[in-house]
Amino acid sequence: MKKKLFKGTFNYAGETYVMFTHAITKEWAFLNFTSQLSKKVGYKPSYVRGYFNGATDNYYIKEEVKEDESKDSEKDS
């Protein structure tokens, strides 16, 4: 299978994080995003995944983002 580019928007403790990753499925993208976020917030990936357990609407993952969109976002950062 070919990897797709995903865009993830996560609200962690009131702060919004926008990240990009390549993955085969949305589920793998979620794992990649939570691993990235764990490094930024200083908690283990399993703890961060528990925070985004679906109990609240605090993250959104968009599939198949165009390469241009991720490059534009990197310029804004």
C-alpha atoms as a PDB file:
ATOM      1  CA  MET A   1       0.000   0.000   0.000  1.00  0.00           C
ATOM      2  CA  LYS A   2       1.074   3.532  -0.683  1.00  0.00           C
ATOM      3  CA  LYS A   3       1.402   5.993   2.174  1.00  0.00           C
ATOM      4  CA  LYS A   4      -0.813   9.077   2.170  1.00  0.00           C
ATOM      5  CA  LEU A   5      -0.213  12.467   3.722  1.00  0.00           C
ATOM      6  CA  PHE A   6      -2.409  13.241   6.726  1.00  0.00           C
ATOM      7  CA  LYS A   7      -2.994  16.487   8.592  1.00  0.00           C
ATOM      8  CA  GLY A   8      -3.840  16.264  12.273  1.00  0.00           C
ATOM      9  CA  THR A   9      -5.232  19.050  14.442  1.00  0.00           C
ATOM     10  CA  PHE A  10      -5.108  18.243  18.159  1.00  0.00           C
ATOM     11  CA  ASN A  11      -6.336  20.295  21.115  1.00  0.00           C
ATOM     12  CA  TYR A  12      -4.213  19.278  24.082  1.00  0.00           C
ATOM     13  CA  ALA A  13      -4.974  21.052  27.363  1.00  0.00           C
ATOM     14  CA  GLY A  14      -6.327  24.109  25.541  1.00  0.00           C
ATOM     15  CA  GLU A  15      -3.412  24.424  23.122  1.00  0.00           C
ATOM     16  CA  THR A  16      -3.809  23.556  19.429  1.00  0.00           C
ATOM     17  CA  TYR A  17      -1.169  21.538  17.601  1.00  0.00           C
ATOM     18  CA  VAL A  18      -1.193  21.056  13.818  1.00  0.00           C
ATOM     19  CA  MET A  19       1.010  18.268  12.492  1.00  0.00           C
ATOM     20  CA  PHE A  20       1.579  16.295   9.299  1.00  0.00           C
ATOM     21  CA  THR A  21       2.559  12.675   8.786  1.00  0.00           C
ATOM     22  CA  HIS A  22       2.692  10.001   6.107  1.00  0.00           C
ATOM     23  CA  ALA A  23       0.872   6.766   6.905  1.00  0.00           C
ATOM     24  CA  ILE A  24      -0.984   3.919   5.251  1.00  0.00           C
ATOM     25  CA  THR A  25      -4.207   4.330   7.258  1.00  0.00           C
ATOM     26  CA  LYS A  26      -5.893   6.904   9.454  1.00  0.00           C
ATOM     27  CA  GLU A  27      -5.257   4.657  12.465  1.00  0.00           C
ATOM     28  CA  TRP A  28      -1.510   4.624  11.805  1.00  0.00           C
ATOM     29  CA  ALA A  29      -1.593   8.385  11.297  1.00  0.00           C
ATOM     30  CA  PHE A  30      -3.214   8.733  14.754  1.00  0.00           C
ATOM     31  CA  LEU A  31      -0.389   6.681  16.292  1.00  0.00           C
ATOM     32  CA  ASN A  32       2.213   8.821  14.516  1.00  0.00           C
ATOM     33  CA  PHE A  33       0.528  12.047  15.617  1.00  0.00           C
ATOM     34  CA  THR A  34       0.245  11.015  19.247  1.00  0.00           C
ATOM     35  CA  SER A  35       3.920   9.997  19.242  1.00  0.00           C
ATOM     36  CA  GLN A  36       4.890  13.399  17.812  1.00  0.00           C
ATOM     37  CA  LEU A  37       2.701  15.193  20.315  1.00  0.00           C
ATOM     38  CA  SER A  38       4.077  13.203  23.251  1.00  0.00           C
ATOM     39  CA  LYS A  39       7.549  14.597  22.514  1.00  0.00           C
ATOM     40  CA  LYS A  40       6.180  18.147  22.410  1.00  0.00           C
ATOM     41  CA  VAL A  41       4.233  17.935  25.684  1.00  0.00           C
ATOM     42  CA  GLY A  42       6.646  15.701  27.592  1.00  0.00           C
ATOM     43  CA  TYR A  43       4.402  12.715  28.334  1.00  0.00           C
ATOM     44  CA  LYS A  44       4.547   9.092  27.201  1.00  0.00           C
ATOM     45  CA  PRO A  45       2.717   8.284  23.949  1.00  0.00           C
ATOM     46  CA  SER A  46       0.321   5.939  25.791  1.00  0.00           C
ATOM     47  CA  TYR A  47      -0.732   8.769  28.118  1.00  0.00           C
ATOM     48  CA  VAL A  48      -1.306  11.121  25.185  1.00  0.00           C
ATOM     49  CA  ARG A  49      -3.324   8.448  23.339  1.00  0.00           C
ATOM     50  CA  GLY A  50      -5.497   8.072  26.437  1.00  0.00           C
ATOM     51  CA  TYR A  51      -6.164  11.819  26.381  1.00  0.00           C
ATOM     52  CA  PHE A  52      -7.531  11.441  22.821  1.00  0.00           C
ATOM     53  CA  ASN A  53      -9.706   8.408  23.571  1.00  0.00           C
ATOM     54  CA  GLY A  54     -12.815   9.707  21.793  1.00  0.00           C
ATOM     55  CA  ALA A  55     -14.643  10.829  24.950  1.00  0.00           C
ATOM     56  CA  THR A  56     -14.443  14.447  23.764  1.00  0.00           C
ATOM     57  CA  ASP A  57     -14.127  16.055  20.346  1.00  0.00           C
ATOM     58  CA  ASN A  58     -10.535  17.253  20.747  1.00  0.00           C
ATOM     59  CA  TYR A  59      -8.803  16.159  17.548  1.00  0.00           C
ATOM     60  CA  TYR A  60      -9.379  15.931  13.803  1.00  0.00           C
ATOM     61  CA  ILE A  61      -7.428  14.001  11.181  1.00  0.00           C
ATOM     62  CA  LYS A  62      -7.798  14.915   7.530  1.00  0.00           C
ATOM     63  CA  GLU A  63      -6.833  12.296   4.943  1.00  0.00           C
ATOM     64  CA  GLU A  64      -4.876  12.802   1.779  1.00  0.00           C
ATOM     65  CA  VAL A  65      -3.755  16.365   2.237  1.00  0.00           C
ATOM     66  CA  LYS A  66      -2.097  17.855  -0.819  1.00  0.00           C
ATOM     67  CA  GLU A  67       1.683  18.162  -0.545  1.00  0.00           C
ATOM     68  CA  ASP A  68       1.350  21.925  -1.179  1.00  0.00           C
ATOM     69  CA  GLU A  69      -0.802  22.369   1.941  1.00  0.00           C
ATOM     70  CA  SER A  70       1.852  20.866   4.238  1.00  0.00           C
ATOM     71  CA  LYS A  71       4.581  22.995   2.668  1.00  0.00           C
ATOM     72  CA  ASP A  72       2.480  26.151   3.072  1.00  0.00           C
ATOM     73  CA  SER A  73       1.909  25.318   6.744  1.00  0.00           C
ATOM     74  CA  GLU A  74       5.649  24.835   7.306  1.00  0.00           C
ATOM     75  CA  LYS A  75       6.289  28.315   5.879  1.00  0.00           C
ATOM     76  CA  ASP A  76       3.785  29.833   8.321  1.00  0.00           C
ATOM     77  CA  SER A  77       5.503  28.209  11.326  1.00  0.00           C
END
